[in-house]
Amino acid sequence: MGRLQYEVQGDGFTLIVVVARGVFAFLTFFSSSGNQQVKLEEVEVESGEEQEEVIHTVRAKLYIYGESLLAKGTGEKSWNERGVGDAKILKHREHGKLRLLQRQEKTMKVICNHVVDPRIKLEPNVGTDRSWVWSAFDFAEGELKETVFAMKFKDKETAEEFKKQFEEAQKAMETLESGNDGAPSAEADEAAEALAGLSTKTEGEEAKE
């Protein structure tokens, strides 16, 4: 990510926020009285990824299956776009555990954050060869929530490479947790069967790119 600049206009002032590579940020304040400028010190912003290495990264569009804001409380579920950005498979340098993390471009908001559980099954998205659907316990919003995801890639080859890297990460996690009960559960199998019938296509057309 390059340098991003956000400008906020207020009554008698202008506030500029600059983020460079999601790591360093600084503020500049312009006052209309005397046209004075106060520049605050550059501060380091921790991303939470400092102790991790990137195993794989790919730009993709993410969808979640659930109630939209307009349909909240109605029980009506549909595919809703959560954002576009780099999806990363990260490995912790100390304990070796892996997770999938994706941030929304520009805002850098976390839109996907879950452990690479060996029980997760990436299922083909109905009607396309460049998208996968799966279910996981996501922590993107600060609390664990079972979420159904769909991720779309630019082409079939990119999608297949993501699946390959994800499954290799799952094997590494399975080895790491070999002392625990890592056998796939009946719930995971049932979830996989249900996911097989889901598609991010709306009726008669594919979801917008």
Protein backbone atom coordinates (compact mmCIF):
# COMPACT_ATOMS: atom_id res chain seq x y z
CA MET A 1 0.00 0.00 0.00
CA GLY A 2 1.30 3.49 -0.85
CA ARG A 3 0.74 6.84 0.80
CA LEU A 4 -2.88 7.76 1.58
CA GLN A 5 -4.12 11.20 2.52
CA TYR A 6 -7.44 12.08 4.14
CA GLU A 7 -8.58 15.68 4.48
CA VAL A 8 -11.25 16.91 6.90
CA GLN A 9 -12.68 20.43 6.58
CA GLY A 10 -14.07 22.09 9.71
CA ASP A 11 -15.14 25.52 10.91
CA GLY A 12 -11.95 27.53 10.56
CA PHE A 13 -9.57 24.60 10.19
CA THR A 14 -8.39 21.80 7.94
CA LEU A 15 -7.11 18.49 9.33
CA ILE A 16 -4.99 16.25 7.11
CA VAL A 17 -4.25 12.66 8.08
CA VAL A 18 -1.53 10.80 6.20
CA VAL A 19 -1.00 7.04 6.36
CA ALA A 20 2.06 5.51 4.75
CA ARG A 21 2.00 1.76 4.15
CA GLY A 22 -0.39 1.31 7.04
CA VAL A 23 2.48 1.63 9.49
CA PHE A 24 3.33 5.30 9.99
CA ALA A 25 0.89 8.17 10.30
CA PHE A 26 1.03 11.88 10.97
CA LEU A 27 -1.44 14.74 11.28
CA THR A 28 -1.19 18.26 9.91
CA PHE A 29 -3.48 21.01 11.23
CA PHE A 30 -4.14 24.21 9.29
CA SER A 31 -5.88 27.09 11.08
CA SER A 32 -7.65 29.83 9.13
CA SER A 33 -6.66 32.40 11.75
CA GLY A 34 -3.22 33.57 10.72
CA ASN A 35 -2.86 30.55 8.45
CA GLN A 36 -0.79 28.82 11.11
CA GLN A 37 0.28 25.23 10.75
CA VAL A 38 0.94 22.75 13.52
CA LYS A 39 2.50 19.44 12.55
CA LEU A 40 2.25 16.62 15.06
CA GLU A 41 5.01 14.09 15.49
CA GLU A 42 5.01 10.98 13.37
CA VAL A 43 3.65 8.05 15.35
CA GLU A 44 4.03 4.36 14.75
CA VAL A 45 0.81 2.43 14.26
CA GLU A 46 1.06 -1.28 15.05
CA SER A 47 -0.83 -3.51 12.65
CA GLY A 48 -0.71 -6.64 14.80
CA GLU A 49 1.27 -8.41 12.09
CA GLU A 50 4.74 -7.49 13.36
CA GLN A 51 5.44 -10.99 14.71
CA GLU A 52 4.17 -12.80 11.62
CA GLU A 53 5.58 -13.72 8.23
CA VAL A 54 3.53 -13.67 5.05
CA ILE A 55 3.13 -17.14 3.56
CA HIS A 56 0.87 -16.08 0.71
CA THR A 57 -0.84 -12.87 -0.36
CA VAL A 58 -3.39 -12.23 -3.09
CA ARG A 59 -5.82 -9.45 -3.98
CA ALA A 60 -9.44 -10.62 -3.82
CA LYS A 61 -13.04 -9.55 -3.25
CA LEU A 62 -14.71 -10.87 -0.10
CA TYR A 63 -18.39 -11.58 0.50
CA ILE A 64 -20.22 -12.77 3.61
CA TYR A 65 -23.53 -14.60 3.73
CA GLY A 66 -26.04 -13.12 6.13
CA GLU A 67 -28.51 -10.35 6.79
CA SER A 68 -27.79 -7.01 5.17
CA LEU A 69 -28.17 -3.80 7.18
CA LEU A 70 -31.54 -3.16 5.56
CA ALA A 71 -32.73 -6.70 6.28
CA LYS A 72 -31.37 -6.92 9.82
CA GLY A 73 -33.74 -8.80 12.10
CA THR A 74 -35.84 -10.20 9.24
CA GLY A 75 -33.99 -13.49 8.90
CA GLU A 76 -33.52 -12.88 5.18
CA LYS A 77 -29.97 -13.75 4.18
CA SER A 78 -28.03 -12.95 1.03
CA TRP A 79 -24.47 -12.39 -0.15
CA ASN A 80 -23.08 -9.01 0.89
CA GLU A 81 -19.78 -7.58 -0.26
CA ARG A 82 -17.45 -6.93 2.66
CA GLY A 83 -14.60 -5.40 0.68
CA VAL A 84 -11.62 -5.73 -1.65
CA GLY A 85 -8.00 -6.01 -0.57
CA ASP A 86 -5.00 -8.25 -0.05
CA ALA A 87 -5.80 -11.57 1.62
CA LYS A 88 -2.79 -12.89 3.53
CA ILE A 89 -1.95 -16.25 5.04
CA LEU A 90 0.22 -15.33 8.03
CA LYS A 91 2.43 -17.52 10.23
CA HIS A 92 3.42 -16.46 13.73
CA ARG A 93 7.20 -16.55 14.15
CA GLU A 94 7.04 -17.74 17.76
CA HIS A 95 4.29 -20.36 18.07
CA GLY A 96 3.91 -21.14 14.35
CA LYS A 97 0.12 -20.83 14.17
CA LEU A 98 -1.42 -19.60 10.94
CA ARG A 99 -4.34 -17.32 10.20
CA LEU A 100 -6.08 -15.74 7.21
CA LEU A 101 -6.20 -11.95 7.35
CA GLN A 102 -7.71 -9.54 4.86
CA ARG A 103 -7.93 -5.76 5.08
CA GLN A 104 -10.14 -3.43 3.08
CA GLU A 105 -8.09 -1.33 0.67
CA LYS A 106 -7.55 2.35 1.58
CA THR A 107 -9.20 2.17 5.01
CA MET A 108 -7.14 -0.89 6.07
CA LYS A 109 -10.13 -2.10 8.10
CA VAL A 110 -9.95 -5.82 8.93
CA ILE A 111 -12.67 -7.68 7.02
CA CYS A 112 -11.51 -11.28 7.53
CA ASN A 113 -9.48 -12.67 10.42
CA HIS A 114 -9.63 -16.34 11.34
CA VAL A 115 -7.38 -19.24 12.22
CA VAL A 116 -6.49 -21.62 9.38
CA ASP A 117 -8.47 -24.47 10.93
CA PRO A 118 -7.63 -27.87 9.37
CA ARG A 119 -11.37 -28.68 9.37
CA ILE A 120 -12.27 -25.85 6.99
CA LYS A 121 -13.22 -27.00 3.50
CA LEU A 122 -12.93 -24.62 0.56
CA GLU A 123 -15.88 -25.45 -1.66
CA PRO A 124 -16.27 -24.31 -5.31
CA ASN A 125 -18.67 -21.41 -5.66
CA VAL A 126 -21.65 -22.44 -7.78
CA GLY A 127 -21.35 -21.19 -11.34
CA THR A 128 -17.75 -19.95 -11.27
CA ASP A 129 -14.26 -21.44 -11.26
CA ARG A 130 -12.54 -18.48 -9.59
CA SER A 131 -14.23 -18.36 -6.21
CA TRP A 132 -14.27 -20.41 -3.00
CA VAL A 133 -16.88 -20.64 -0.25
CA TRP A 134 -16.17 -21.71 3.33
CA SER A 135 -17.28 -21.31 6.93
CA ALA A 136 -15.08 -20.24 9.83
CA PHE A 137 -15.13 -18.54 13.22
CA ASP A 138 -14.16 -15.00 12.28
CA PHE A 139 -12.70 -12.36 14.60
CA ALA A 140 -12.72 -9.38 12.21
CA GLU A 141 -15.20 -7.41 14.33
CA GLY A 142 -13.58 -8.11 17.69
CA GLU A 143 -15.56 -11.17 18.72
CA LEU A 144 -15.74 -14.74 17.46
CA LYS A 145 -18.61 -15.20 15.04
CA GLU A 146 -19.35 -18.14 12.78
CA THR A 147 -19.31 -16.66 9.29
CA VAL A 148 -19.82 -17.97 5.77
CA PHE A 149 -17.34 -16.42 3.34
CA ALA A 150 -16.98 -16.31 -0.42
CA MET A 151 -13.76 -15.00 -1.96
CA LYS A 152 -13.43 -14.12 -5.64
CA PHE A 153 -10.14 -13.91 -7.52
CA LYS A 154 -9.16 -12.41 -10.86
CA ASP A 155 -8.97 -15.80 -12.61
CA LYS A 156 -9.10 -19.58 -12.16
CA GLU A 157 -5.32 -19.94 -11.76
CA THR A 158 -5.17 -17.41 -8.95
CA ALA A 159 -8.06 -19.13 -7.18
CA GLU A 160 -6.39 -22.53 -7.45
CA GLU A 161 -3.09 -21.18 -6.13
CA PHE A 162 -4.88 -19.69 -3.12
CA LYS A 163 -6.51 -23.03 -2.37
CA LYS A 164 -3.17 -24.81 -2.68
CA GLN A 165 -1.49 -22.41 -0.26
CA PHE A 166 -4.44 -22.52 2.16
CA GLU A 167 -4.47 -26.32 2.25
CA GLU A 168 -0.70 -26.42 2.82
CA ALA A 169 -1.20 -24.04 5.73
CA GLN A 170 -3.92 -26.35 7.06
CA LYS A 171 -1.48 -29.28 6.96
CA ALA A 172 1.05 -27.23 8.90
CA MET A 173 -1.59 -26.39 11.50
CA GLU A 174 -2.64 -30.03 11.74
CA THR A 175 0.95 -31.04 12.39
CA LEU A 176 1.28 -28.28 14.97
CA GLU A 177 -1.84 -29.45 16.75
CA SER A 178 -1.13 -33.16 16.34
CA GLY A 179 -1.36 -33.62 20.10
CA ASN A 180 -5.00 -32.46 19.99
CA ASP A 181 -8.07 -34.00 18.46
CA GLY A 182 -7.79 -32.67 14.93
CA ALA A 183 -10.23 -35.04 13.26
CA PRO A 184 -12.91 -33.32 11.19
CA SER A 185 -16.17 -33.04 13.11
CA ALA A 186 -19.63 -34.05 11.92
CA GLU A 187 -20.59 -30.36 12.16
CA ALA A 188 -17.80 -29.45 9.76
CA ASP A 189 -18.97 -32.08 7.26
CA GLU A 190 -22.56 -30.84 7.46
CA ALA A 191 -21.40 -27.25 6.94
CA ALA A 192 -19.42 -28.29 3.87
CA GLU A 193 -22.49 -29.94 2.36
CA ALA A 194 -24.57 -26.81 2.95
CA LEU A 195 -21.90 -24.58 1.41
CA ALA A 196 -21.88 -26.65 -1.76
CA GLY A 197 -25.27 -25.19 -2.68
CA LEU A 198 -24.41 -21.54 -2.09
CA SER A 199 -23.41 -19.09 -4.81
CA THR A 200 -22.48 -15.42 -4.76
CA LYS A 201 -24.44 -15.00 -7.98
CA THR A 202 -27.73 -13.22 -7.73
CA GLU A 203 -30.61 -14.76 -9.62
CA GLY A 204 -29.78 -14.60 -13.34
CA GLU A 205 -26.52 -12.74 -13.01
CA GLU A 206 -23.14 -12.85 -11.39
CA ALA A 207 -22.31 -10.54 -8.51
CA LYS A 208 -20.66 -7.36 -9.69
CA GLU A 209 -16.91 -7.39 -9.98
